[in-house]
Amino acid sequence: MGYVLVLPEFGLVADPVAGIVTTAGVSYQPVIDKVAELELIADDLVGMLSGEGNLLNSFPGREKTLSKAGMVTALWYGLAVGLFIAFIFALLIVFGGI
């Protein structure tokens, strides 16, 4: 049985017996390989949110680096905000606001 042309400019045909859309002599393996690589990268990005596990392009033994870096960053931001608030209170006390 023959095929039905779906999108001839992309080489897509429909097989009416099987009920699927497939390619007509064009290999999409390079595209499939790129999609598989992008899926690995997307999974790695999602894995970065938890801070656990090994990252895709990192050296071995660096499993908890994201959580440690997040704690240090939060410490420094907290210190900066706390000192800023203390400075505002000190100005208010010195100039008679409180």
PDB file of N, CA and C in Angstrom:
ATOM      1  N   MET A   1       0.840  -1.173   0.000  1.00  0.00           N
ATOM      2  CA  MET A   1       0.000   0.000   0.000  1.00  0.00           C
ATOM      3  C   MET A   1       0.884   1.235   0.000  1.00  0.00           C
ATOM      4  N   GLY A   2       0.364   2.333  -0.489  1.00  0.00           N
ATOM      5  CA  GLY A   2       1.150   3.554  -0.631  1.00  0.00           C
ATOM      6  C   GLY A   2       1.113   4.437   0.606  1.00  0.00           C
ATOM      7  N   TYR A   3       1.804   5.520   0.475  1.00  0.00           N
ATOM      8  CA  TYR A   3       1.867   6.512   1.540  1.00  0.00           C
ATOM      9  C   TYR A   3       1.082   7.751   1.154  1.00  0.00           C
ATOM     10  N   VAL A   4       0.652   8.504   2.156  1.00  0.00           N
ATOM     11  CA  VAL A   4      -0.034   9.768   1.932  1.00  0.00           C
ATOM     12  C   VAL A   4       0.938  10.878   2.316  1.00  0.00           C
ATOM     13  N   LEU A   5       1.160  11.845   1.419  1.00  0.00           N
ATOM     14  CA  LEU A   5       2.069  12.948   1.718  1.00  0.00           C
ATOM     15  C   LEU A   5       1.433  13.869   2.762  1.00  0.00           C
ATOM     16  N   VAL A   6       2.144  14.072   3.835  1.00  0.00           N
ATOM     17  CA  VAL A   6       1.660  14.978   4.888  1.00  0.00           C
ATOM     18  C   VAL A   6       2.317  16.335   4.724  1.00  0.00           C
ATOM     19  N   LEU A   7       3.631  16.377   4.813  1.00  0.00           N
ATOM     20  CA  LEU A   7       4.410  17.589   4.575  1.00  0.00           C
ATOM     21  C   LEU A   7       5.549  17.238   3.625  1.00  0.00           C
ATOM     22  N   PRO A   8       5.345  17.408   2.334  1.00  0.00           N
ATOM     23  CA  PRO A   8       6.386  16.999   1.396  1.00  0.00           C
ATOM     24  C   PRO A   8       7.668  17.815   1.526  1.00  0.00           C
ATOM     25  N   GLU A   9       7.564  19.083   1.979  1.00  0.00           N
ATOM     26  CA  GLU A   9       8.777  19.900   2.106  1.00  0.00           C
ATOM     27  C   GLU A   9       9.682  19.408   3.241  1.00  0.00           C
ATOM     28  N   PHE A  10       9.139  18.689   4.216  1.00  0.00           N
ATOM     29  CA  PHE A  10       9.935  18.095   5.289  1.00  0.00           C
ATOM     30  C   PHE A  10      10.129  16.599   5.111  1.00  0.00           C
ATOM     31  N   GLY A  11       9.564  16.026   4.067  1.00  0.00           N
ATOM     32  CA  GLY A  11       9.727  14.606   3.803  1.00  0.00           C
ATOM     33  C   GLY A  11       8.886  13.727   4.706  1.00  0.00           C
ATOM     34  N   LEU A  12       7.752  14.223   5.190  1.00  0.00           N
ATOM     35  CA  LEU A  12       6.895  13.440   6.077  1.00  0.00           C
ATOM     36  C   LEU A  12       5.749  12.816   5.283  1.00  0.00           C
ATOM     37  N   VAL A  13       5.546  11.524   5.531  1.00  0.00           N
ATOM     38  CA  VAL A  13       4.442  10.802   4.911  1.00  0.00           C
ATOM     39  C   VAL A  13       3.688  10.045   5.997  1.00  0.00           C
ATOM     40  N   ALA A  14       2.430   9.748   5.720  1.00  0.00           N
ATOM     41  CA  ALA A  14       1.610   8.983   6.655  1.00  0.00           C
ATOM     42  C   ALA A  14       1.397   7.584   6.092  1.00  0.00           C
ATOM     43  N   ASP A  15       1.534   6.602   6.960  1.00  0.00           N
ATOM     44  CA  ASP A  15       1.271   5.212   6.585  1.00  0.00           C
ATOM     45  C   ASP A  15      -0.162   4.918   7.016  1.00  0.00           C
ATOM     46  N   PRO A  16      -1.097   4.771   6.082  1.00  0.00           N
ATOM     47  CA  PRO A  16      -2.494   4.578   6.466  1.00  0.00           C
ATOM     48  C   PRO A  16      -2.755   3.227   7.131  1.00  0.00           C
ATOM     49  N   VAL A  17      -1.939   2.223   6.870  1.00  0.00           N
ATOM     50  CA  VAL A  17      -2.139   0.913   7.481  1.00  0.00           C
ATOM     51  C   VAL A  17      -1.704   0.925   8.940  1.00  0.00           C
ATOM     52  N   ALA A  18      -0.515   1.471   9.184  1.00  0.00           N
ATOM     53  CA  ALA A  18       0.008   1.508  10.555  1.00  0.00           C
ATOM     54  C   ALA A  18      -0.553   2.688  11.333  1.00  0.00           C
ATOM     55  N   GLY A  19      -0.964   3.737  10.645  1.00  0.00           N
ATOM     56  CA  GLY A  19      -1.524   4.902  11.314  1.00  0.00           C
ATOM     57  C   GLY A  19      -0.466   5.794  11.940  1.00  0.00           C
ATOM     58  N   ILE A  20       0.731   5.856  11.350  1.00  0.00           N
ATOM     59  CA  ILE A  20       1.803   6.691  11.892  1.00  0.00           C
ATOM     60  C   ILE A  20       2.301   7.638  10.823  1.00  0.00           C
ATOM     61  N   VAL A  21       2.917   8.727  11.291  1.00  0.00           N
ATOM     62  CA  VAL A  21       3.586   9.667  10.402  1.00  0.00           C
ATOM     63  C   VAL A  21       5.077   9.374  10.500  1.00  0.00           C
ATOM     64  N   THR A  22       5.720   9.202   9.373  1.00  0.00           N
ATOM     65  CA  THR A  22       7.130   8.831   9.346  1.00  0.00           C
ATOM     66  C   THR A  22       7.838   9.609   8.253  1.00  0.00           C
ATOM     67  N   THR A  23       9.134   9.370   8.136  1.00  0.00           N
ATOM     68  CA  THR A  23       9.909  10.060   7.115  1.00  0.00           C
ATOM     69  C   THR A  23       9.972   9.204   5.858  1.00  0.00           C
ATOM     70  N   ALA A  24      10.161   9.870   4.750  1.00  0.00           N
ATOM     71  CA  ALA A  24      10.273   9.166   3.469  1.00  0.00           C
ATOM     72  C   ALA A  24      11.699   9.284   2.960  1.00  0.00           C
ATOM     73  N   GLY A  25      12.570   8.427   3.449  1.00  0.00           N
ATOM     74  CA  GLY A  25      13.940   8.391   2.971  1.00  0.00           C
ATOM     75  C   GLY A  25      14.866   9.406   3.581  1.00  0.00           C
ATOM     76  N   VAL A  26      14.405  10.227   4.520  1.00  0.00           N
ATOM     77  CA  VAL A  26      15.249  11.229   5.160  1.00  0.00           C
ATOM     78  C   VAL A  26      15.566  10.754   6.575  1.00  0.00           C
ATOM     79  N   SER A  27      16.817  10.792   6.942  1.00  0.00           N
ATOM     80  CA  SER A  27      17.215  10.356   8.273  1.00  0.00           C
ATOM     81  C   SER A  27      17.219  11.549   9.232  1.00  0.00           C
ATOM     82  N   TYR A  28      16.512  11.400  10.335  1.00  0.00           N
ATOM     83  CA  TYR A  28      16.478  12.427  11.366  1.00  0.00           C
ATOM     84  C   TYR A  28      17.356  12.060  12.544  1.00  0.00           C
ATOM     85  N   GLN A  29      18.326  11.171  12.350  1.00  0.00           N
ATOM     86  CA  GLN A  29      19.181  10.738  13.445  1.00  0.00           C
ATOM     87  C   GLN A  29      20.015  11.877  14.036  1.00  0.00           C
ATOM     88  N   PRO A  30      20.559  12.823  13.238  1.00  0.00           N
ATOM     89  CA  PRO A  30      21.270  13.949  13.859  1.00  0.00           C
ATOM     90  C   PRO A  30      20.375  14.794  14.763  1.00  0.00           C
ATOM     91  N   VAL A  31      19.130  14.978  14.357  1.00  0.00           N
ATOM     92  CA  VAL A  31      18.192  15.741  15.178  1.00  0.00           C
ATOM     93  C   VAL A  31      17.862  14.973  16.456  1.00  0.00           C
ATOM     94  N   ILE A  32      17.671  13.670  16.342  1.00  0.00           N
ATOM     95  CA  ILE A  32      17.379  12.843  17.511  1.00  0.00           C
ATOM     96  C   ILE A  32      18.553  12.859  18.482  1.00  0.00           C
ATOM     97  N   ASP A  33      19.789  12.846  17.955  1.00  0.00           N
ATOM     98  CA  ASP A  33      20.970  12.914  18.819  1.00  0.00           C
ATOM     99  C   ASP A  33      21.038  14.246  19.561  1.00  0.00           C
ATOM    100  N   LYS A  34      20.740  15.339  18.872  1.00  0.00           N
ATOM    101  CA  LYS A  34      20.746  16.657  19.514  1.00  0.00           C
ATOM    102  C   LYS A  34      19.662  16.748  20.582  1.00  0.00           C
ATOM    103  N   VAL A  35      18.485  16.187  20.323  1.00  0.00           N
ATOM    104  CA  VAL A  35      17.406  16.199  21.314  1.00  0.00           C
ATOM    105  C   VAL A  35      17.801  15.382  22.532  1.00  0.00           C
ATOM    106  N   ALA A  36      18.474  14.262  22.327  1.00  0.00           N
ATOM    107  CA  ALA A  36      18.943  13.458  23.465  1.00  0.00           C
ATOM    108  C   ALA A  36      19.964  14.233  24.284  1.00  0.00           C
ATOM    109  N   GLU A  37      20.852  14.969  23.617  1.00  0.00           N
ATOM    110  CA  GLU A  37      21.832  15.787  24.340  1.00  0.00           C
ATOM    111  C   GLU A  37      21.147  16.905  25.120  1.00  0.00           C
ATOM    112  N   LEU A  38      20.141  17.540  24.509  1.00  0.00           N
ATOM    113  CA  LEU A  38      19.403  18.595  25.208  1.00  0.00           C
ATOM    114  C   LEU A  38      18.621  18.049  26.395  1.00  0.00           C
ATOM    115  N   GLU A  39      18.124  16.821  26.293  1.00  0.00           N
ATOM    116  CA  GLU A  39      17.432  16.203  27.428  1.00  0.00           C
ATOM    117  C   GLU A  39      18.386  15.970  28.585  1.00  0.00           C
ATOM    118  N   LEU A  40      19.622  15.547  28.286  1.00  0.00           N
ATOM    119  CA  LEU A  40      20.620  15.384  29.347  1.00  0.00           C
ATOM    120  C   LEU A  40      20.927  16.714  30.025  1.00  0.00           C
ATOM    121  N   ILE A  41      21.057  17.770  29.228  1.00  0.00           N
ATOM    122  CA  ILE A  41      21.349  19.092  29.786  1.00  0.00           C
ATOM    123  C   ILE A  41      20.177  19.588  30.617  1.00  0.00           C
ATOM    124  N   ALA A  42      18.945  19.381  30.140  1.00  0.00           N
ATOM    125  CA  ALA A  42      17.771  19.808  30.904  1.00  0.00           C
ATOM    126  C   ALA A  42      17.650  19.034  32.209  1.00  0.00           C
ATOM    127  N   ASP A  43      17.919  17.734  32.170  1.00  0.00           N
ATOM    128  CA  ASP A  43      17.896  16.955  33.413  1.00  0.00           C
ATOM    129  C   ASP A  43      18.964  17.432  34.388  1.00  0.00           C
ATOM    130  N   ASP A  44      20.122  17.836  33.865  1.00  0.00           N
ATOM    131  CA  ASP A  44      21.183  18.356  34.717  1.00  0.00           C
ATOM    132  C   ASP A  44      20.765  19.679  35.351  1.00  0.00           C
ATOM    133  N   LEU A  45      20.091  20.536  34.588  1.00  0.00           N
ATOM    134  CA  LEU A  45      19.611  21.801  35.144  1.00  0.00           C
ATOM    135  C   LEU A  45      18.580  21.576  36.238  1.00  0.00           C
ATOM    136  N   VAL A  46      17.693  20.623  36.035  1.00  0.00           N
ATOM    137  CA  VAL A  46      16.700  20.311  37.060  1.00  0.00           C
ATOM    138  C   VAL A  46      17.389  19.710  38.280  1.00  0.00           C
ATOM    139  N   GLY A  47      18.422  18.892  38.053  1.00  0.00           N
ATOM    140  CA  GLY A  47      19.166  18.318  39.157  1.00  0.00           C
ATOM    141  C   GLY A  47      19.927  19.359  39.960  1.00  0.00           C
ATOM    142  N   MET A  48      20.258  20.497  39.349  1.00  0.00           N
ATOM    143  CA  MET A  48      20.949  21.558  40.058  1.00  0.00           C
ATOM    144  C   MET A  48      20.056  22.201  41.108  1.00  0.00           C
ATOM    145  N   LEU A  49      18.756  22.112  40.930  1.00  0.00           N
ATOM    146  CA  LEU A  49      17.843  22.740  41.881  1.00  0.00           C
ATOM    147  C   LEU A  49      17.876  22.067  43.247  1.00  0.00           C
ATOM    148  N   SER A  50      18.162  20.793  43.281  1.00  0.00           N
ATOM    149  CA  SER A  50      18.187  20.095  44.563  1.00  0.00           C
ATOM    150  C   SER A  50      19.522  20.246  45.270  1.00  0.00           C
ATOM    151  N   GLY A  51      20.587  20.494  44.538  1.00  0.00           N
ATOM    152  CA  GLY A  51      21.904  20.618  45.144  1.00  0.00           C
ATOM    153  C   GLY A  51      22.542  19.282  45.467  1.00  0.00           C
ATOM    154  N   GLU A  52      21.911  18.206  45.112  1.00  0.00           N
ATOM    155  CA  GLU A  52      22.434  16.861  45.371  1.00  0.00           C
ATOM    156  C   GLU A  52      22.917  16.260  44.061  1.00  0.00           C
ATOM    157  N   GLY A  53      23.701  15.219  44.164  1.00  0.00           N
ATOM    158  CA  GLY A  53      24.116  14.472  42.980  1.00  0.00           C
ATOM    159  C   GLY A  53      25.284  15.112  42.266  1.00  0.00           C
ATOM    160  N   ASN A  54      25.743  14.443  41.243  1.00  0.00           N
ATOM    161  CA  ASN A  54      26.888  14.882  40.473  1.00  0.00           C
ATOM    162  C   ASN A  54      26.405  15.638  39.247  1.00  0.00           C
ATOM    163  N   LEU A  55      27.038  16.753  38.947  1.00  0.00           N
ATOM    164  CA  LEU A  55      26.655  17.533  37.786  1.00  0.00           C
ATOM    165  C   LEU A  55      27.257  16.921  36.522  1.00  0.00           C
ATOM    166  N   LEU A  56      26.728  17.319  35.382  1.00  0.00           N
ATOM    167  CA  LEU A  56      27.102  16.706  34.108  1.00  0.00           C
ATOM    168  C   LEU A  56      28.574  16.939  33.764  1.00  0.00           C
ATOM    169  N   ASN A  57      29.070  18.156  33.899  1.00  0.00           N
ATOM    170  CA  ASN A  57      30.446  18.483  33.502  1.00  0.00           C
ATOM    171  C   ASN A  57      31.322  18.811  34.699  1.00  0.00           C
ATOM    172  N   SER A  58      31.124  18.147  35.819  1.00  0.00           N
ATOM    173  CA  SER A  58      31.946  18.427  36.988  1.00  0.00           C
ATOM    174  C   SER A  58      32.893  17.274  37.256  1.00  0.00           C
ATOM    175  N   PHE A  59      33.897  17.560  38.045  1.00  0.00           N
ATOM    176  CA  PHE A  59      34.869  16.537  38.410  1.00  0.00           C
ATOM    177  C   PHE A  59      34.276  15.612  39.462  1.00  0.00           C
ATOM    178  N   PRO A  60      34.773  14.397  39.584  1.00  0.00           N
ATOM    179  CA  PRO A  60      34.260  13.473  40.599  1.00  0.00           C
ATOM    180  C   PRO A  60      34.535  13.992  42.010  1.00  0.00           C
ATOM    181  N   GLY A  61      33.639  13.674  42.934  1.00  0.00           N
ATOM    182  CA  GLY A  61      33.799  14.066  44.322  1.00  0.00           C
ATOM    183  C   GLY A  61      33.248  15.434  44.646  1.00  0.00           C
ATOM    184  N   ARG A  62      32.460  16.019  43.754  1.00  0.00           N
ATOM    185  CA  ARG A  62      31.898  17.352  44.001  1.00  0.00           C
ATOM    186  C   ARG A  62      30.374  17.283  44.037  1.00  0.00           C
ATOM    187  N   GLU A  63      29.869  16.344  44.794  1.00  0.00           N
ATOM    188  CA  GLU A  63      28.429  16.103  44.793  1.00  0.00           C
ATOM    189  C   GLU A  63      27.643  17.172  45.552  1.00  0.00           C
ATOM    190  N   LYS A  64      28.177  17.720  46.633  1.00  0.00           N
ATOM    191  CA  LYS A  64      27.415  18.642  47.475  1.00  0.00           C
ATOM    192  C   LYS A  64      27.879  20.088  47.318  1.00  0.00           C
ATOM    193  N   THR A  65      28.558  20.407  46.223  1.00  0.00           N
ATOM    194  CA  THR A  65      29.104  21.751  46.093  1.00  0.00           C
ATOM    195  C   THR A  65      28.014  22.812  45.947  1.00  0.00           C
ATOM    196  N   LEU A  66      26.919  22.507  45.275  1.00  0.00           N
ATOM    197  CA  LEU A  66      25.870  23.511  45.094  1.00  0.00           C
ATOM    198  C   LEU A  66      25.200  23.867  46.408  1.00  0.00           C
ATOM    199  N   SER A  67      24.957  22.884  47.266  1.00  0.00           N
ATOM    200  CA  SER A  67      24.315  23.198  48.539  1.00  0.00           C
ATOM    201  C   SER A  67      25.263  23.980  49.449  1.00  0.00           C
ATOM    202  N   LYS A  68      26.561  23.638  49.430  1.00  0.00           N
ATOM    203  CA  LYS A  68      27.536  24.385  50.241  1.00  0.00           C
ATOM    204  C   LYS A  68      27.686  25.811  49.715  1.00  0.00           C
ATOM    205  N   ALA A  69      27.746  25.973  48.409  1.00  0.00           N
ATOM    206  CA  ALA A  69      27.862  27.314  47.831  1.00  0.00           C
ATOM    207  C   ALA A  69      26.619  28.137  48.126  1.00  0.00           C
ATOM    208  N   GLY A  70      25.461  27.507  48.115  1.00  0.00           N
ATOM    209  CA  GLY A  70      24.227  28.227  48.456  1.00  0.00           C
ATOM    210  C   GLY A  70      24.207  28.672  49.905  1.00  0.00           C
ATOM    211  N   MET A  71      24.717  27.827  50.808  1.00  0.00           N
ATOM    212  CA  MET A  71      24.766  28.221  52.224  1.00  0.00           C
ATOM    213  C   MET A  71      25.721  29.396  52.442  1.00  0.00           C
ATOM    214  N   VAL A  72      26.886  29.365  51.789  1.00  0.00           N
ATOM    215  CA  VAL A  72      27.848  30.460  51.940  1.00  0.00           C
ATOM    216  C   VAL A  72      27.284  31.747  51.353  1.00  0.00           C
ATOM    217  N   THR A  73      26.637  31.662  50.213  1.00  0.00           N
ATOM    218  CA  THR A  73      26.038  32.845  49.599  1.00  0.00           C
ATOM    219  C   THR A  73      24.939  33.423  50.488  1.00  0.00           C
ATOM    220  N   ALA A  74      24.100  32.565  51.045  1.00  0.00           N
ATOM    221  CA  ALA A  74      23.042  33.040  51.944  1.00  0.00           C
ATOM    222  C   ALA A  74      23.637  33.675  53.197  1.00  0.00           C
ATOM    223  N   LEU A  75      24.756  33.134  53.693  1.00  0.00           N
ATOM    224  CA  LEU A  75      25.418  33.715  54.861  1.00  0.00           C
ATOM    225  C   LEU A  75      25.887  35.131  54.564  1.00  0.00           C
ATOM    226  N   TRP A  76      26.547  35.332  53.438  1.00  0.00           N
ATOM    227  CA  TRP A  76      27.058  36.656  53.118  1.00  0.00           C
ATOM    228  C   TRP A  76      25.943  37.651  52.821  1.00  0.00           C
ATOM    229  N   TYR A  77      24.892  37.224  52.115  1.00  0.00           N
ATOM    230  CA  TYR A  77      23.763  38.125  51.878  1.00  0.00           C
ATOM    231  C   TYR A  77      23.066  38.470  53.188  1.00  0.00           C
ATOM    232  N   GLY A  78      22.916  37.501  54.071  1.00  0.00           N
ATOM    233  CA  GLY A  78      22.308  37.774  55.374  1.00  0.00           C
ATOM    234  C   GLY A  78      23.136  38.733  56.194  1.00  0.00           C
ATOM    235  N   LEU A  79      24.458  38.561  56.158  1.00  0.00           N
ATOM    236  CA  LEU A  79      25.343  39.468  56.878  1.00  0.00           C
ATOM    237  C   LEU A  79      25.242  40.882  56.318  1.00  0.00           C
ATOM    238  N   ALA A  80      25.218  41.023  55.005  1.00  0.00           N
ATOM    239  CA  ALA A  80      25.129  42.346  54.380  1.00  0.00           C
ATOM    240  C   ALA A  80      23.812  43.028  54.723  1.00  0.00           C
ATOM    241  N   VAL A  81      22.710  42.309  54.640  1.00  0.00           N
ATOM    242  CA  VAL A  81      21.403  42.905  54.950  1.00  0.00           C
ATOM    243  C   VAL A  81      21.313  43.241  56.442  1.00  0.00           C
ATOM    244  N   GLY A  82      21.826  42.359  57.287  1.00  0.00           N
ATOM    245  CA  GLY A  82      21.811  42.621  58.732  1.00  0.00           C
ATOM    246  C   GLY A  82      22.630  43.839  59.115  1.00  0.00           C
ATOM    247  N   LEU A  83      23.813  43.991  58.518  1.00  0.00           N
ATOM    248  CA  LEU A  83      24.633  45.167  58.800  1.00  0.00           C
ATOM    249  C   LEU A  83      23.987  46.444  58.271  1.00  0.00           C
ATOM    250  N   PHE A  84      23.308  46.363  57.146  1.00  0.00           N
ATOM    251  CA  PHE A  84      22.612  47.535  56.615  1.00  0.00           C
ATOM    252  C   PHE A  84      21.481  47.970  57.549  1.00  0.00           C
ATOM    253  N   ILE A  85      20.715  47.021  58.049  1.00  0.00           N
ATOM    254  CA  ILE A  85      19.636  47.347  58.981  1.00  0.00           C
ATOM    255  C   ILE A  85      20.205  47.898  60.286  1.00  0.00           C
ATOM    256  N   ALA A  86      21.314  47.331  60.773  1.00  0.00           N
ATOM    257  CA  ALA A  86      21.955  47.851  61.987  1.00  0.00           C
ATOM    258  C   ALA A  86      22.463  49.269  61.761  1.00  0.00           C
ATOM    259  N   PHE A  87      22.978  49.560  60.580  1.00  0.00           N
ATOM    260  CA  PHE A  87      23.439  50.907  60.261  1.00  0.00           C
ATOM    261  C   PHE A  87      22.278  51.897  60.273  1.00  0.00           C
ATOM    262  N   ILE A  88      21.148  51.504  59.720  1.00  0.00           N
ATOM    263  CA  ILE A  88      19.969  52.382  59.721  1.00  0.00           C
ATOM    264  C   ILE A  88      19.513  52.656  61.159  1.00  0.00           C
ATOM    265  N   PHE A  89      19.470  51.605  61.997  1.00  0.00           N
ATOM    266  CA  PHE A  89      19.085  51.794  63.399  1.00  0.00           C
ATOM    267  C   PHE A  89      20.081  52.679  64.131  1.00  0.00           C
ATOM    268  N   ALA A  90      21.368  52.537  63.852  1.00  0.00           N
ATOM    269  CA  ALA A  90      22.383  53.376  64.492  1.00  0.00           C
ATOM    270  C   ALA A  90      22.199  54.836  64.093  1.00  0.00           C
ATOM    271  N   LEU A  91      21.890  55.077  62.821  1.00  0.00           N
ATOM    272  CA  LEU A  91      21.629  56.453  62.389  1.00  0.00           C
ATOM    273  C   LEU A  91      20.393  57.028  63.076  1.00  0.00           C
ATOM    274  N   LEU A  92      19.372  56.220  63.217  1.00  0.00           N
ATOM    275  CA  LEU A  92      18.152  56.690  63.883  1.00  0.00           C
ATOM    276  C   LEU A  92      18.410  57.003  65.359  1.00  0.00           C
ATOM    277  N   ILE A  93      19.214  56.203  66.013  1.00  0.00           N
ATOM    278  CA  ILE A  93      19.514  56.432  67.436  1.00  0.00           C
ATOM    279  C   ILE A  93      20.382  57.683  67.603  1.00  0.00           C
ATOM    280  N   VAL A  94      21.382  57.863  66.738  1.00  0.00           N
ATOM    281  CA  VAL A  94      22.292  59.007  66.859  1.00  0.00           C
ATOM    282  C   VAL A  94      21.582  60.306  66.571  1.00  0.00           C
ATOM    283  N   PHE A  95      20.737  60.327  65.589  1.00  0.00           N
ATOM    284  CA  PHE A  95      20.075  61.577  65.215  1.00  0.00           C
ATOM    285  C   PHE A  95      18.707  61.754  65.858  1.00  0.00           C
ATOM    286  N   GLY A  96      18.402  60.965  66.860  1.00  0.00           N
ATOM    287  CA  GLY A  96      17.213  61.166  67.683  1.00  0.00           C
ATOM    288  C   GLY A  96      15.918  60.710  67.082  1.00  0.00           C
ATOM    289  N   GLY A  97      15.943  59.777  66.174  1.00  0.00           N
ATOM    290  CA  GLY A  97      14.704  59.288  65.595  1.00  0.00           C
ATOM    291  C   GLY A  97      13.973  58.328  66.515  1.00  0.00           C
ATOM    292  N   ILE A  98      14.713  57.635  67.365  1.00  0.00           N
ATOM    293  CA  ILE A  98      14.071  56.655  68.253  1.00  0.00           C
ATOM    294  C   ILE A  98      14.183  57.129  69.672  1.00  0.00           C
TER     295      ILE A  98
END
